[in-house]
Amino acid sequence: MSTAVPESNNLRVENINLRVSRNQKALIDRAAQVQGRSRSDFMLDAACREAESVLLDQRYFYMDDEAFQRFTEMLDAPPADNPGLTRLLTTKAPWEK
């Protein structure tokens, strides 16, 4: 797992408490057992991966009006000719020959 938290801050000194249903707990326990991990390790890893994914999906672009106009024009323009891509999309796969 790749975390954005520096190694020196990885000491586990904080608690997070969750209420779950029996079915949720059983599911988590089965998955953790399959991976040979504790419930806490399994849940922490899954929660951190999801948190990183959510944060990485957040994008904010600031552009002035002129830059935004150029940006939208580029997005709306037809794609440039790409012979390599055309060749790739028209070549039959080896198993189709």
Protein backbone atom coordinates (compact mmCIF):
# COMPACT_ATOMS: atom_id res chain seq x y z
CA MET A 1 0.00 0.00 0.00
CA SER A 2 1.29 3.44 -0.84
CA THR A 3 0.32 6.00 1.72
CA ALA A 4 0.83 9.72 1.65
CA VAL A 5 1.61 9.71 5.38
CA PRO A 6 5.33 10.02 6.20
CA GLU A 7 6.83 6.92 7.83
CA SER A 8 7.45 8.76 11.10
CA ASN A 9 3.69 9.40 11.40
CA ASN A 10 2.70 5.73 10.93
CA LEU A 11 2.67 4.89 14.65
CA ARG A 12 -0.78 3.65 15.58
CA VAL A 13 -1.82 5.85 18.46
CA GLU A 14 -5.35 6.84 17.38
CA ASN A 15 -8.59 4.84 17.55
CA ILE A 16 -11.42 4.63 15.04
CA ASN A 17 -14.58 2.88 16.17
CA LEU A 18 -17.20 1.54 13.77
CA ARG A 19 -20.57 -0.07 14.25
CA VAL A 20 -21.27 -2.82 11.74
CA SER A 21 -23.87 -5.51 11.18
CA ARG A 22 -23.07 -9.14 11.89
CA ASN A 23 -23.04 -9.83 8.15
CA GLN A 24 -20.58 -7.01 7.48
CA LYS A 25 -18.28 -8.17 10.27
CA ALA A 26 -18.41 -11.77 9.03
CA LEU A 27 -17.62 -10.65 5.47
CA ILE A 28 -14.68 -8.53 6.60
CA ASP A 29 -13.39 -11.31 8.84
CA ARG A 30 -13.57 -13.87 6.03
CA ALA A 31 -11.69 -11.58 3.63
CA ALA A 32 -9.05 -10.75 6.23
CA GLN A 33 -8.60 -14.44 7.01
CA VAL A 34 -8.15 -15.27 3.32
CA GLN A 35 -5.31 -12.76 3.20
CA GLY A 36 -3.86 -13.96 6.50
CA ARG A 37 -4.31 -10.55 8.09
CA SER A 38 -6.02 -9.20 11.15
CA ARG A 39 -9.37 -7.49 10.82
CA SER A 40 -7.77 -4.17 11.82
CA ASP A 41 -4.98 -4.43 9.24
CA PHE A 42 -7.43 -5.46 6.53
CA MET A 43 -9.85 -2.63 7.30
CA LEU A 44 -7.13 0.00 7.66
CA ASP A 45 -5.54 -0.95 4.34
CA ALA A 46 -8.91 -0.94 2.54
CA ALA A 47 -9.93 2.39 4.08
CA CYS A 48 -6.60 4.03 3.24
CA ARG A 49 -6.70 2.80 -0.37
CA GLU A 50 -10.22 4.18 -0.78
CA ALA A 51 -9.28 7.47 0.87
CA GLU A 52 -6.29 7.89 -1.46
CA SER A 53 -8.48 7.08 -4.46
CA VAL A 54 -11.07 9.67 -3.45
CA LEU A 55 -8.43 12.32 -2.89
CA LEU A 56 -6.61 11.57 -6.15
CA ASP A 57 -9.88 11.90 -8.06
CA GLN A 58 -10.33 15.46 -6.83
CA ARG A 59 -9.14 17.90 -9.43
CA TYR A 60 -9.40 21.65 -9.39
CA PHE A 61 -8.20 23.69 -12.31
CA TYR A 62 -8.20 27.45 -12.20
CA MET A 63 -8.04 29.23 -15.52
CA ASP A 64 -8.78 32.76 -16.52
CA ASP A 65 -11.48 33.26 -19.17
CA GLU A 66 -9.03 33.31 -22.07
CA ALA A 67 -7.26 30.11 -21.00
CA PHE A 68 -10.60 28.38 -20.40
CA GLN A 69 -11.77 29.38 -23.89
CA ARG A 70 -8.58 27.89 -25.44
CA PHE A 71 -8.97 24.76 -23.30
CA THR A 72 -12.59 24.15 -24.37
CA GLU A 73 -11.67 24.78 -28.02
CA MET A 74 -8.99 22.09 -27.78
CA LEU A 75 -11.45 19.66 -26.21
CA ASP A 76 -14.08 20.38 -28.85
CA ALA A 77 -11.67 20.16 -31.81
CA PRO A 78 -11.66 16.93 -33.81
CA PRO A 79 -8.75 14.62 -32.95
CA ALA A 80 -5.56 14.98 -34.94
CA ASP A 81 -4.73 12.29 -37.47
CA ASN A 82 -2.93 9.41 -35.73
CA PRO A 83 -1.69 6.77 -38.19
CA GLY A 84 -0.35 4.53 -35.41
CA LEU A 85 -3.70 4.45 -33.64
CA THR A 86 -5.53 3.85 -36.92
CA ARG A 87 -3.21 0.93 -37.70
CA LEU A 88 -3.71 -0.51 -34.20
CA LEU A 89 -7.49 -0.32 -34.42
CA THR A 90 -7.64 -1.86 -37.91
CA THR A 91 -5.16 -4.70 -37.35
CA LYS A 92 -6.71 -8.05 -36.55
CA ALA A 93 -5.65 -9.70 -33.31
CA PRO A 94 -3.38 -12.76 -33.76
CA TRP A 95 -6.17 -15.08 -32.58
CA GLU A 96 -8.55 -13.69 -35.22
CA LYS A 97 -6.26 -14.49 -38.17
